[in-house]
Every structure is written in C-alpha cells, then in structure tokens.
Amino acid sequence: MKPLSLLTPDDARSLAGVIFDLDDTVLDHGALTETAYGALFRLRETGLALIACTGRPAGWGEVIQRQWPIDATIVENGAVALVREQAGPIAGPGEGLAPVAGAGRVVKLDALDRDTRRARRAELVALADDMVRRFPAAALADDNDQRVTDVTIDIGEHRRVPPEDVQAMRAVLRERGVRTLVSSVHLHLTRDPADKATGAVRLLSTRFGEDPTRARYRYAFVGDSGNDGVAFAAFTLTFGVANVRAHLGKLSVPPRFVASHPMGRGFAEITRRIVELRKNAPEP
C-alpha cells in the first residue's frame, strides 16, 4: 500500500470513472457528510463517471440514484443495478454521462423475473428467521423491506453479535446451500453468485458498452473493508480510506493507495488528489 502522494498524473488521467463503496467509505457510520457529498461533485466536474457499489438494499439505491450526481448504483453486493433511463454510454471522461441528480426515470436491472425473485427471497427469509431463533443475539436487519435479492441479519449495526455466533450461522447456512457475505454491520444471505466486482463489470459492459477487461483498468475502486476484497483484487487502480487498515487481515490483495483519513474525510482526500492531478496534468 502506498500513500496518496505517490499517485501519478498518468494514473489519474487514465481513469474513465470511479466505483465506490458506501458504508464507512463515503458514509460516516451511515451518515452522509457535506464533505463527502461535495467530493462527488468535484469528481463529476472533472468528467469522471461515478458508480456507487454497496451491499445496501435496492430501495436505498433508488433514492441515491435519484439524488446523487452519479451514473449508476449497484446494490445488494452486485446482484442488482439502478440507472437513469436516459443514461448513455460512458465512453470516456466527460462523454455520455447521465444527467445530474434528479432527472429521468430510474430503471432497476435484475437478471431474474419478479416472480422467480420473490420465490427465491421468501426461502431466504425463512432461513434468516430460523437463524435469529437459534441465535438470540442476532436479529433481522431493519432494511430488509427494501431488499429484493438477499436477506440481512443485523450483527453490528444496532446490536453486537459475538463472532463465534456469526461463524456458526454461516456454517449452518453453508450446509443449506446458501452463500453468506459479512459486512461491518450485516450478515447477508443470498443465492446469487454476484459480488461487487462482477456486478460492476457486468453493468459497465452490458449497459455502457465497456470492454470487460478494459473496464478493470479504466475504473478505480474505493473501499474500506474485507467485504470489498474482491473489488480490490479485480481493479487495477484501487484506494482505501484509512479505516481499511483494520481489515487488512481479511484482504488477500490490499488497496494500492490508502488515505490518511477515515470514512468520508478519507474519500474526500482521495478525491482531492485525483482532481488535482487531472487538472494539472498535461493533455495527452
């Protein structure tokens, strides 16, 4: 890992866009600060496409897609994406960007039809109910009514579930053929094979016409935890906010550059460095 001061003008100018996690990356314990929100606008002003990529629910993603200056929102750990209807190809810096927040109809992109999705999720809800009966320290997360592909158990948002209980739940669910993902606040139950990296690359390819291989070089990823490990490994240019250091033991590939500040301040720090280099670098 390197400090942001070692990021080069060539690195910054090579980017077509930035993909970023939400919790503890842009958000501070779930809250969006003025500093972090302003950083998004500054990135946008340099011609970069912006894509949020989170484990948070589709209902959150729809609101974010309507209100933030971003081109797409990938939710539920890569399983579903939301875009504005008139979004065109993100062919390069400053080209084909979607309108700024508030314009257009938001479209949800899901590989499964509604009836299949509902049946699959009903099964996951029953399994999650069984887990919270067996492990009283846990409870269903309060965002489940906004989800369409997975079910979440609160293990760290409004309560603290012992790590041994989390591991025991994961073992039971694995025996039942259910995939689990652990974030800083939730245990996710899913039958979808998606993750943040594959979800982002799929969206860039199918919706915005990017070559899947080139997309991994043209888009940077910013994250904060072990739940971002696949994306840190998948993209060439990656950043971590300072609190990522607490999760390095869970990362086979750490981010290339790390900010000195945590959460939203760290995201703003990364933004300032990218914007500075893009504005001051000579045109190719």
C-alpha atoms as a PDB file:
ATOM      1  CA  MET A   1       0.000   0.000   0.000  1.00  0.00           C
ATOM      2  CA  LYS A   2       1.179   3.499  -0.844  1.00  0.00           C
ATOM      3  CA  PRO A   3       0.233   6.984   0.376  1.00  0.00           C
ATOM      4  CA  LEU A   4      -1.860   9.126  -1.946  1.00  0.00           C
ATOM      5  CA  SER A   5       1.115  11.406  -2.557  1.00  0.00           C
ATOM      6  CA  LEU A   6       2.575   8.671  -4.796  1.00  0.00           C
ATOM      7  CA  LEU A   7      -0.436   8.591  -7.124  1.00  0.00           C
ATOM      8  CA  THR A   8       0.787   9.854 -10.507  1.00  0.00           C
ATOM      9  CA  PRO A   9      -0.798  12.160 -13.111  1.00  0.00           C
ATOM     10  CA  ASP A  10      -0.825   9.232 -15.550  1.00  0.00           C
ATOM     11  CA  ASP A  11      -2.813   7.166 -13.032  1.00  0.00           C
ATOM     12  CA  ALA A  12      -5.382   9.929 -12.570  1.00  0.00           C
ATOM     13  CA  ARG A  13      -5.728  10.847 -16.241  1.00  0.00           C
ATOM     14  CA  SER A  14      -6.167   7.216 -17.309  1.00  0.00           C
ATOM     15  CA  LEU A  15      -9.461   6.967 -15.455  1.00  0.00           C
ATOM     16  CA  ALA A  16     -12.883   6.983 -17.056  1.00  0.00           C
ATOM     17  CA  GLY A  17     -14.680   6.636 -13.737  1.00  0.00           C
ATOM     18  CA  VAL A  18     -14.675   5.788 -10.053  1.00  0.00           C
ATOM     19  CA  ILE A  19     -16.616   2.986  -8.353  1.00  0.00           C
ATOM     20  CA  PHE A  20     -17.057   3.392  -4.613  1.00  0.00           C
ATOM     21  CA  ASP A  21     -18.483   1.595  -1.589  1.00  0.00           C
ATOM     22  CA  LEU A  22     -20.904   3.427   0.719  1.00  0.00           C
ATOM     23  CA  ASP A  23     -20.708   2.306   4.356  1.00  0.00           C
ATOM     24  CA  ASP A  24     -17.565   3.540   6.113  1.00  0.00           C
ATOM     25  CA  THR A  25     -16.136   4.667   2.749  1.00  0.00           C
ATOM     26  CA  VAL A  26     -18.322   7.593   1.688  1.00  0.00           C
ATOM     27  CA  LEU A  27     -20.665   7.403   4.685  1.00  0.00           C
ATOM     28  CA  ASP A  28     -19.599   8.003   8.289  1.00  0.00           C
ATOM     29  CA  HIS A  29     -21.447   5.338  10.307  1.00  0.00           C
ATOM     30  CA  GLY A  30     -24.374   5.629   7.896  1.00  0.00           C
ATOM     31  CA  ALA A  31     -24.391   9.442   7.663  1.00  0.00           C
ATOM     32  CA  LEU A  32     -23.514  11.419   4.534  1.00  0.00           C
ATOM     33  CA  THR A  33     -21.423  14.475   5.374  1.00  0.00           C
ATOM     34  CA  GLU A  34     -21.201  17.673   3.379  1.00  0.00           C
ATOM     35  CA  THR A  35     -17.501  16.942   2.827  1.00  0.00           C
ATOM     36  CA  ALA A  36     -18.125  13.563   1.208  1.00  0.00           C
ATOM     37  CA  TYR A  37     -21.104  14.753  -0.842  1.00  0.00           C
ATOM     38  CA  GLY A  38     -19.129  17.699  -2.174  1.00  0.00           C
ATOM     39  CA  ALA A  39     -16.321  15.332  -3.150  1.00  0.00           C
ATOM     40  CA  LEU A  40     -18.694  13.526  -5.522  1.00  0.00           C
ATOM     41  CA  PHE A  41     -19.483  16.755  -7.324  1.00  0.00           C
ATOM     42  CA  ARG A  42     -15.802  17.616  -7.647  1.00  0.00           C
ATOM     43  CA  LEU A  43     -15.067  14.221  -9.198  1.00  0.00           C
ATOM     44  CA  ARG A  44     -18.004  14.657 -11.541  1.00  0.00           C
ATOM     45  CA  GLU A  45     -16.783  18.071 -12.645  1.00  0.00           C
ATOM     46  CA  THR A  46     -13.537  16.523 -13.910  1.00  0.00           C
ATOM     47  CA  GLY A  47     -15.521  14.339 -16.336  1.00  0.00           C
ATOM     48  CA  LEU A  48     -15.427  11.082 -14.400  1.00  0.00           C
ATOM     49  CA  ALA A  49     -18.300   8.629 -14.345  1.00  0.00           C
ATOM     50  CA  LEU A  50     -19.389   7.753 -10.798  1.00  0.00           C
ATOM     51  CA  ILE A  51     -20.848   4.416  -9.706  1.00  0.00           C
ATOM     52  CA  ALA A  52     -21.897   3.553  -6.162  1.00  0.00           C
ATOM     53  CA  CYS A  53     -21.439  -0.137  -5.300  1.00  0.00           C
ATOM     54  CA  THR A  54     -22.804  -1.362  -1.980  1.00  0.00           C
ATOM     55  CA  GLY A  55     -24.338  -4.175  -0.009  1.00  0.00           C
ATOM     56  CA  ARG A  56     -27.183  -1.841   0.929  1.00  0.00           C
ATOM     57  CA  PRO A  57     -30.684  -2.574  -0.422  1.00  0.00           C
ATOM     58  CA  ALA A  58     -32.246  -1.726  -3.751  1.00  0.00           C
ATOM     59  CA  GLY A  59     -34.611   0.709  -2.022  1.00  0.00           C
ATOM     60  CA  TRP A  60     -31.637   2.742  -0.807  1.00  0.00           C
ATOM     61  CA  GLY A  61     -30.098   2.568  -4.268  1.00  0.00           C
ATOM     62  CA  GLU A  62     -33.169   4.032  -5.925  1.00  0.00           C
ATOM     63  CA  VAL A  63     -33.095   7.078  -3.643  1.00  0.00           C
ATOM     64  CA  ILE A  64     -29.335   7.521  -4.128  1.00  0.00           C
ATOM     65  CA  GLN A  65     -29.685   7.246  -7.885  1.00  0.00           C
ATOM     66  CA  ARG A  66     -32.317   9.996  -7.876  1.00  0.00           C
ATOM     67  CA  GLN A  67     -30.450  12.389  -5.606  1.00  0.00           C
ATOM     68  CA  TRP A  68     -26.701  11.936  -6.033  1.00  0.00           C
ATOM     69  CA  PRO A  69     -24.579  13.092  -9.010  1.00  0.00           C
ATOM     70  CA  ILE A  70     -23.830   9.532 -10.130  1.00  0.00           C
ATOM     71  CA  ASP A  71     -24.353   7.417 -13.239  1.00  0.00           C
ATOM     72  CA  ALA A  72     -25.362   4.110 -11.661  1.00  0.00           C
ATOM     73  CA  THR A  73     -25.908   2.432  -8.313  1.00  0.00           C
ATOM     74  CA  ILE A  74     -25.062  -1.239  -7.790  1.00  0.00           C
ATOM     75  CA  VAL A  75     -26.772  -2.692  -4.733  1.00  0.00           C
ATOM     76  CA  GLU A  76     -27.054  -5.881  -2.714  1.00  0.00           C
ATOM     77  CA  ASN A  77     -23.400  -6.787  -3.353  1.00  0.00           C
ATOM     78  CA  GLY A  78     -23.615  -6.721  -7.135  1.00  0.00           C
ATOM     79  CA  ALA A  79     -26.922  -8.519  -7.690  1.00  0.00           C
ATOM     80  CA  VAL A  80     -28.978  -5.525  -8.895  1.00  0.00           C
ATOM     81  CA  ALA A  81     -28.178  -2.202 -10.552  1.00  0.00           C
ATOM     82  CA  LEU A  82     -30.117   1.046 -10.906  1.00  0.00           C
ATOM     83  CA  VAL A  83     -29.619   3.568 -13.698  1.00  0.00           C
ATOM     84  CA  ARG A  84     -31.463   6.553 -15.082  1.00  0.00           C
ATOM     85  CA  GLU A  85     -33.291   5.732 -18.273  1.00  0.00           C
ATOM     86  CA  GLN A  86     -31.526   8.270 -20.477  1.00  0.00           C
ATOM     87  CA  ALA A  87     -28.015   7.309 -19.349  1.00  0.00           C
ATOM     88  CA  GLY A  88     -25.868   6.814 -22.442  1.00  0.00           C
ATOM     89  CA  PRO A  89     -22.513   5.094 -22.966  1.00  0.00           C
ATOM     90  CA  ILE A  90     -19.705   6.048 -20.613  1.00  0.00           C
ATOM     91  CA  ALA A  91     -17.204   6.026 -23.454  1.00  0.00           C
ATOM     92  CA  GLY A  92     -14.588   8.202 -21.830  1.00  0.00           C
ATOM     93  CA  PRO A  93     -14.015  11.122 -19.494  1.00  0.00           C
ATOM     94  CA  GLY A  94     -16.745  13.685 -19.976  1.00  0.00           C
ATOM     95  CA  GLU A  95     -18.602  11.688 -22.630  1.00  0.00           C
ATOM     96  CA  GLY A  96     -22.061  10.211 -22.319  1.00  0.00           C
ATOM     97  CA  LEU A  97     -22.575  10.944 -18.648  1.00  0.00           C
ATOM     98  CA  ALA A  98     -26.087  10.744 -17.238  1.00  0.00           C
ATOM     99  CA  PRO A  99     -27.746  13.985 -16.156  1.00  0.00           C
ATOM    100  CA  VAL A 100     -27.002  15.276 -12.682  1.00  0.00           C
ATOM    101  CA  ALA A 101     -29.246  14.090  -9.842  1.00  0.00           C
ATOM    102  CA  GLY A 102     -32.997  14.251 -10.148  1.00  0.00           C
ATOM    103  CA  ALA A 103     -33.502  13.839 -13.898  1.00  0.00           C
ATOM    104  CA  GLY A 104     -35.203  10.893 -15.556  1.00  0.00           C
ATOM    105  CA  ARG A 105     -36.841   7.635 -14.597  1.00  0.00           C
ATOM    106  CA  VAL A 106     -34.809   5.170 -12.532  1.00  0.00           C
ATOM    107  CA  VAL A 107     -34.655   1.661 -14.010  1.00  0.00           C
ATOM    108  CA  LYS A 108     -33.820  -1.448 -11.978  1.00  0.00           C
ATOM    109  CA  LEU A 109     -31.705  -4.087 -13.737  1.00  0.00           C
ATOM    110  CA  ASP A 110     -32.128  -7.639 -12.415  1.00  0.00           C
ATOM    111  CA  ALA A 111     -31.320 -10.873 -14.228  1.00  0.00           C
ATOM    112  CA  LEU A 112     -34.340 -12.669 -12.705  1.00  0.00           C
ATOM    113  CA  ASP A 113     -38.034 -12.014 -13.318  1.00  0.00           C
ATOM    114  CA  ARG A 114     -40.132 -10.708 -10.440  1.00  0.00           C
ATOM    115  CA  ASP A 115     -41.930 -13.967  -9.573  1.00  0.00           C
ATOM    116  CA  THR A 116     -38.720 -16.022  -9.515  1.00  0.00           C
ATOM    117  CA  ARG A 117     -37.021 -13.377  -7.418  1.00  0.00           C
ATOM    118  CA  ARG A 118     -39.868 -13.262  -4.884  1.00  0.00           C
ATOM    119  CA  ALA A 119     -39.915 -17.053  -4.503  1.00  0.00           C
ATOM    120  CA  ARG A 120     -36.158 -17.217  -4.020  1.00  0.00           C
ATOM    121  CA  ARG A 121     -36.195 -14.431  -1.460  1.00  0.00           C
ATOM    122  CA  ALA A 122     -39.097 -15.973   0.504  1.00  0.00           C
ATOM    123  CA  GLU A 123     -36.923 -19.032   1.053  1.00  0.00           C
ATOM    124  CA  LEU A 124     -34.091 -16.824   2.344  1.00  0.00           C
ATOM    125  CA  VAL A 125     -36.441 -15.001   4.722  1.00  0.00           C
ATOM    126  CA  ALA A 126     -37.481 -18.334   6.255  1.00  0.00           C
ATOM    127  CA  LEU A 127     -33.833 -19.317   6.739  1.00  0.00           C
ATOM    128  CA  ALA A 128     -32.999 -15.948   8.314  1.00  0.00           C
ATOM    129  CA  ASP A 129     -35.950 -16.288  10.693  1.00  0.00           C
ATOM    130  CA  ASP A 130     -34.593 -19.674  11.741  1.00  0.00           C
ATOM    131  CA  MET A 131     -31.142 -18.180  12.390  1.00  0.00           C
ATOM    132  CA  VAL A 132     -32.417 -15.439  14.695  1.00  0.00           C
ATOM    133  CA  ARG A 133     -34.475 -18.005  16.624  1.00  0.00           C
ATOM    134  CA  ARG A 134     -31.392 -20.149  17.133  1.00  0.00           C
ATOM    135  CA  PHE A 135     -29.033 -17.241  17.895  1.00  0.00           C
ATOM    136  CA  PRO A 136     -30.884 -14.746  20.141  1.00  0.00           C
ATOM    137  CA  ALA A 137     -28.087 -12.150  19.989  1.00  0.00           C
ATOM    138  CA  ALA A 138     -28.918 -11.606  16.306  1.00  0.00           C
ATOM    139  CA  ALA A 139     -31.986 -10.019  14.702  1.00  0.00           C
ATOM    140  CA  LEU A 140     -33.249  -9.315  11.219  1.00  0.00           C
ATOM    141  CA  ALA A 141     -31.809  -6.034   9.945  1.00  0.00           C
ATOM    142  CA  ASP A 142     -34.154  -3.088   9.682  1.00  0.00           C
ATOM    143  CA  ASP A 143     -33.565  -2.590   5.939  1.00  0.00           C
ATOM    144  CA  ASN A 144     -34.981  -5.931   4.764  1.00  0.00           C
ATOM    145  CA  ASP A 145     -38.228  -4.498   3.444  1.00  0.00           C
ATOM    146  CA  GLN A 146     -36.162  -2.562   0.888  1.00  0.00           C
ATOM    147  CA  ARG A 147     -34.289  -5.615  -0.430  1.00  0.00           C
ATOM    148  CA  VAL A 148     -35.105  -7.725  -3.492  1.00  0.00           C
ATOM    149  CA  THR A 149     -32.321 -10.349  -3.762  1.00  0.00           C
ATOM    150  CA  ASP A 150     -30.894 -11.067  -0.326  1.00  0.00           C
ATOM    151  CA  VAL A 151     -31.817 -11.029   3.364  1.00  0.00           C
ATOM    152  CA  THR A 152     -29.706  -9.424   6.073  1.00  0.00           C
ATOM    153  CA  ILE A 153     -29.170 -10.210   9.740  1.00  0.00           C
ATOM    154  CA  ASP A 154     -28.001  -7.378  11.990  1.00  0.00           C
ATOM    155  CA  ILE A 155     -24.680  -8.356  13.553  1.00  0.00           C
ATOM    156  CA  GLY A 156     -23.165  -4.929  14.193  1.00  0.00           C
ATOM    157  CA  GLU A 157     -25.458  -2.053  13.266  1.00  0.00           C
ATOM    158  CA  HIS A 158     -27.846  -1.839  16.224  1.00  0.00           C
ATOM    159  CA  ARG A 159     -26.520  -4.809  18.202  1.00  0.00           C
ATOM    160  CA  ARG A 160     -23.277  -6.708  18.688  1.00  0.00           C
ATOM    161  CA  VAL A 161     -23.329 -10.390  17.799  1.00  0.00           C
ATOM    162  CA  PRO A 162     -20.374 -12.496  19.048  1.00  0.00           C
ATOM    163  CA  PRO A 163     -18.053 -13.527  16.178  1.00  0.00           C
ATOM    164  CA  GLU A 164     -18.477 -17.181  17.133  1.00  0.00           C
ATOM    165  CA  ASP A 165     -22.244 -16.864  16.613  1.00  0.00           C
ATOM    166  CA  VAL A 166     -21.699 -15.291  13.200  1.00  0.00           C
ATOM    167  CA  GLN A 167     -19.397 -18.145  12.200  1.00  0.00           C
ATOM    168  CA  ALA A 168     -21.866 -20.722  13.499  1.00  0.00           C
ATOM    169  CA  MET A 169     -24.695 -19.160  11.482  1.00  0.00           C
ATOM    170  CA  ARG A 170     -22.534 -19.147   8.368  1.00  0.00           C
ATOM    171  CA  ALA A 171     -21.716 -22.829   8.857  1.00  0.00           C
ATOM    172  CA  VAL A 172     -25.395 -23.789   9.143  1.00  0.00           C
ATOM    173  CA  LEU A 173     -26.346 -21.717   6.107  1.00  0.00           C
ATOM    174  CA  ARG A 174     -23.495 -23.141   4.040  1.00  0.00           C
ATOM    175  CA  GLU A 175     -24.822 -26.642   4.758  1.00  0.00           C
ATOM    176  CA  ARG A 176     -28.162 -25.481   3.359  1.00  0.00           C
ATOM    177  CA  GLY A 177     -26.579 -24.211   0.153  1.00  0.00           C
ATOM    178  CA  VAL A 178     -26.802 -20.507   0.960  1.00  0.00           C
ATOM    179  CA  ARG A 179     -23.981 -18.051   0.260  1.00  0.00           C
ATOM    180  CA  THR A 180     -23.152 -15.610   3.035  1.00  0.00           C
ATOM    181  CA  LEU A 181     -21.297 -12.310   2.974  1.00  0.00           C
ATOM    182  CA  VAL A 182     -20.208 -10.406   6.061  1.00  0.00           C
ATOM    183  CA  SER A 183     -20.004  -6.610   6.162  1.00  0.00           C
ATOM    184  CA  SER A 184     -19.174  -4.448   9.158  1.00  0.00           C
ATOM    185  CA  VAL A 185     -22.860  -4.411  10.144  1.00  0.00           C
ATOM    186  CA  HIS A 186     -24.723  -7.251   8.385  1.00  0.00           C
ATOM    187  CA  LEU A 187     -24.649 -10.946   7.611  1.00  0.00           C
ATOM    188  CA  HIS A 188     -26.071 -11.298   4.074  1.00  0.00           C
ATOM    189  CA  LEU A 189     -27.885 -14.430   2.913  1.00  0.00           C
ATOM    190  CA  THR A 190     -28.091 -14.916  -0.852  1.00  0.00           C
ATOM    191  CA  ARG A 191     -28.291 -17.473  -3.620  1.00  0.00           C
ATOM    192  CA  ASP A 192     -26.950 -15.057  -6.237  1.00  0.00           C
ATOM    193  CA  PRO A 193     -23.364 -15.588  -7.434  1.00  0.00           C
ATOM    194  CA  ALA A 194     -22.710 -11.851  -7.812  1.00  0.00           C
ATOM    195  CA  ASP A 195     -20.152  -9.749  -5.977  1.00  0.00           C
ATOM    196  CA  LYS A 196     -19.261  -6.065  -6.168  1.00  0.00           C
ATOM    197  CA  ALA A 197     -16.597  -6.523  -8.844  1.00  0.00           C
ATOM    198  CA  THR A 198     -18.551  -8.797 -11.192  1.00  0.00           C
ATOM    199  CA  GLY A 199     -21.668  -6.672 -10.725  1.00  0.00           C
ATOM    200  CA  ALA A 200     -19.772  -3.503 -11.635  1.00  0.00           C
ATOM    201  CA  VAL A 201     -18.028  -5.005 -14.663  1.00  0.00           C
ATOM    202  CA  ARG A 202     -21.280  -6.562 -15.900  1.00  0.00           C
ATOM    203  CA  LEU A 203     -23.063  -3.216 -15.672  1.00  0.00           C
ATOM    204  CA  LEU A 204     -20.256  -1.347 -17.443  1.00  0.00           C
ATOM    205  CA  SER A 205     -20.233  -3.936 -20.223  1.00  0.00           C
ATOM    206  CA  THR A 206     -23.947  -4.529 -20.810  1.00  0.00           C
ATOM    207  CA  ARG A 207     -25.306  -1.065 -20.128  1.00  0.00           C
ATOM    208  CA  PHE A 208     -22.463   1.292 -21.022  1.00  0.00           C
ATOM    209  CA  GLY A 209     -20.587  -0.621 -23.704  1.00  0.00           C
ATOM    210  CA  GLU A 210     -17.262  -1.022 -21.902  1.00  0.00           C
ATOM    211  CA  ASP A 211     -14.974  -3.906 -22.779  1.00  0.00           C
ATOM    212  CA  PRO A 212     -14.981  -6.089 -19.612  1.00  0.00           C
ATOM    213  CA  THR A 213     -11.193  -6.342 -19.481  1.00  0.00           C
ATOM    214  CA  ARG A 214     -10.513  -2.669 -20.181  1.00  0.00           C
ATOM    215  CA  ALA A 215     -13.108  -1.643 -17.584  1.00  0.00           C
ATOM    216  CA  ARG A 216     -10.875  -3.043 -14.853  1.00  0.00           C
ATOM    217  CA  TYR A 217      -8.155  -0.586 -15.922  1.00  0.00           C
ATOM    218  CA  ARG A 218     -10.349   2.408 -16.736  1.00  0.00           C
ATOM    219  CA  TYR A 219     -12.296   2.473 -13.463  1.00  0.00           C
ATOM    220  CA  ALA A 220     -10.857   2.882  -9.972  1.00  0.00           C
ATOM    221  CA  PHE A 221     -12.416   1.317  -6.894  1.00  0.00           C
ATOM    222  CA  VAL A 222     -12.604   2.896  -3.419  1.00  0.00           C
ATOM    223  CA  GLY A 223     -13.487   0.786  -0.379  1.00  0.00           C
ATOM    224  CA  ASP A 224     -12.873   0.217   3.304  1.00  0.00           C
ATOM    225  CA  SER A 225     -13.193  -3.404   4.425  1.00  0.00           C
ATOM    226  CA  GLY A 226     -12.907  -7.127   3.819  1.00  0.00           C
ATOM    227  CA  ASN A 227     -16.276  -7.021   2.079  1.00  0.00           C
ATOM    228  CA  ASP A 228     -14.518  -5.045  -0.675  1.00  0.00           C
ATOM    229  CA  GLY A 229     -11.777  -7.647  -1.104  1.00  0.00           C
ATOM    230  CA  VAL A 230     -12.957  -8.999  -4.461  1.00  0.00           C
ATOM    231  CA  ALA A 231     -13.080  -5.482  -5.913  1.00  0.00           C
ATOM    232  CA  PHE A 232      -9.638  -4.590  -4.536  1.00  0.00           C
ATOM    233  CA  ALA A 233      -8.304  -7.647  -6.378  1.00  0.00           C
ATOM    234  CA  ALA A 234     -10.281  -7.075  -9.581  1.00  0.00           C
ATOM    235  CA  PHE A 235      -9.474  -3.452 -10.421  1.00  0.00           C
ATOM    236  CA  THR A 236      -6.013  -2.142 -11.257  1.00  0.00           C
ATOM    237  CA  LEU A 237      -6.251   1.227  -9.504  1.00  0.00           C
ATOM    238  CA  THR A 238      -7.715   0.878  -6.014  1.00  0.00           C
ATOM    239  CA  PHE A 239      -7.987   3.118  -2.968  1.00  0.00           C
ATOM    240  CA  GLY A 240      -8.782   2.554   0.675  1.00  0.00           C
ATOM    241  CA  VAL A 241      -9.891   5.063   3.259  1.00  0.00           C
ATOM    242  CA  ALA A 242      -7.755   4.889   6.408  1.00  0.00           C
ATOM    243  CA  ASN A 243     -10.082   2.559   8.311  1.00  0.00           C
ATOM    244  CA  VAL A 244      -9.292  -0.183   5.782  1.00  0.00           C
ATOM    245  CA  ARG A 245      -6.135  -0.842   7.820  1.00  0.00           C
ATOM    246  CA  ALA A 246      -8.221  -2.591  10.481  1.00  0.00           C
ATOM    247  CA  HIS A 247      -9.336  -5.155   7.870  1.00  0.00           C
ATOM    248  CA  LEU A 248      -6.035  -5.972   6.178  1.00  0.00           C
ATOM    249  CA  GLY A 249      -6.028  -9.466   7.666  1.00  0.00           C
ATOM    250  CA  LYS A 250      -9.121 -10.265   5.588  1.00  0.00           C
ATOM    251  CA  LEU A 251      -7.694  -8.937   2.313  1.00  0.00           C
ATOM    252  CA  SER A 252      -5.579 -11.116   0.031  1.00  0.00           C
ATOM    253  CA  VAL A 253      -4.978  -8.024  -2.132  1.00  0.00           C
ATOM    254  CA  PRO A 254      -4.934  -4.669  -0.299  1.00  0.00           C
ATOM    255  CA  PRO A 255      -5.766  -1.366  -1.999  1.00  0.00           C
ATOM    256  CA  ARG A 256      -2.840   0.205  -3.871  1.00  0.00           C
ATOM    257  CA  PHE A 257      -3.255   3.610  -2.216  1.00  0.00           C
ATOM    258  CA  VAL A 258      -4.564   4.477   1.244  1.00  0.00           C
ATOM    259  CA  ALA A 259      -5.799   7.816   2.545  1.00  0.00           C
ATOM    260  CA  SER A 260      -4.605   9.217   5.854  1.00  0.00           C
ATOM    261  CA  HIS A 261      -8.186   9.965   6.992  1.00  0.00           C
ATOM    262  CA  PRO A 262     -11.069   7.522   7.578  1.00  0.00           C
ATOM    263  CA  MET A 263     -14.521   7.277   6.012  1.00  0.00           C
ATOM    264  CA  GLY A 264     -15.950  10.391   4.320  1.00  0.00           C
ATOM    265  CA  ARG A 265     -12.890  12.530   5.045  1.00  0.00           C
ATOM    266  CA  GLY A 266     -10.698   9.859   3.523  1.00  0.00           C
ATOM    267  CA  PHE A 267     -12.925   9.696   0.446  1.00  0.00           C
ATOM    268  CA  ALA A 268     -12.658  13.478   0.095  1.00  0.00           C
ATOM    269  CA  GLU A 269      -8.879  13.218   0.461  1.00  0.00           C
ATOM    270  CA  ILE A 270      -8.722  10.671  -2.365  1.00  0.00           C
ATOM    271  CA  THR A 271     -10.966  12.898  -4.447  1.00  0.00           C
ATOM    272  CA  ARG A 272      -8.776  15.960  -3.941  1.00  0.00           C
ATOM    273  CA  ARG A 273      -5.700  14.072  -5.103  1.00  0.00           C
ATOM    274  CA  ILE A 274      -7.385  12.696  -8.241  1.00  0.00           C
ATOM    275  CA  VAL A 275      -8.902  16.080  -9.125  1.00  0.00           C
ATOM    276  CA  GLU A 276      -5.609  17.911  -8.545  1.00  0.00           C
ATOM    277  CA  LEU A 277      -3.675  15.547 -10.785  1.00  0.00           C
ATOM    278  CA  ARG A 278      -6.291  15.546 -13.545  1.00  0.00           C
ATOM    279  CA  LYS A 279      -6.461  19.331 -13.624  1.00  0.00           C
ATOM    280  CA  ASN A 280      -2.708  19.887 -13.585  1.00  0.00           C
ATOM    281  CA  ALA A 281      -1.533  17.072 -15.839  1.00  0.00           C
ATOM    282  CA  PRO A 282      -0.755  17.991 -19.484  1.00  0.00           C
ATOM    283  CA  GLU A 283      -3.168  16.809 -22.125  1.00  0.00           C
ATOM    284  CA  PRO A 284      -2.038  13.549 -23.812  1.00  0.00           C
END
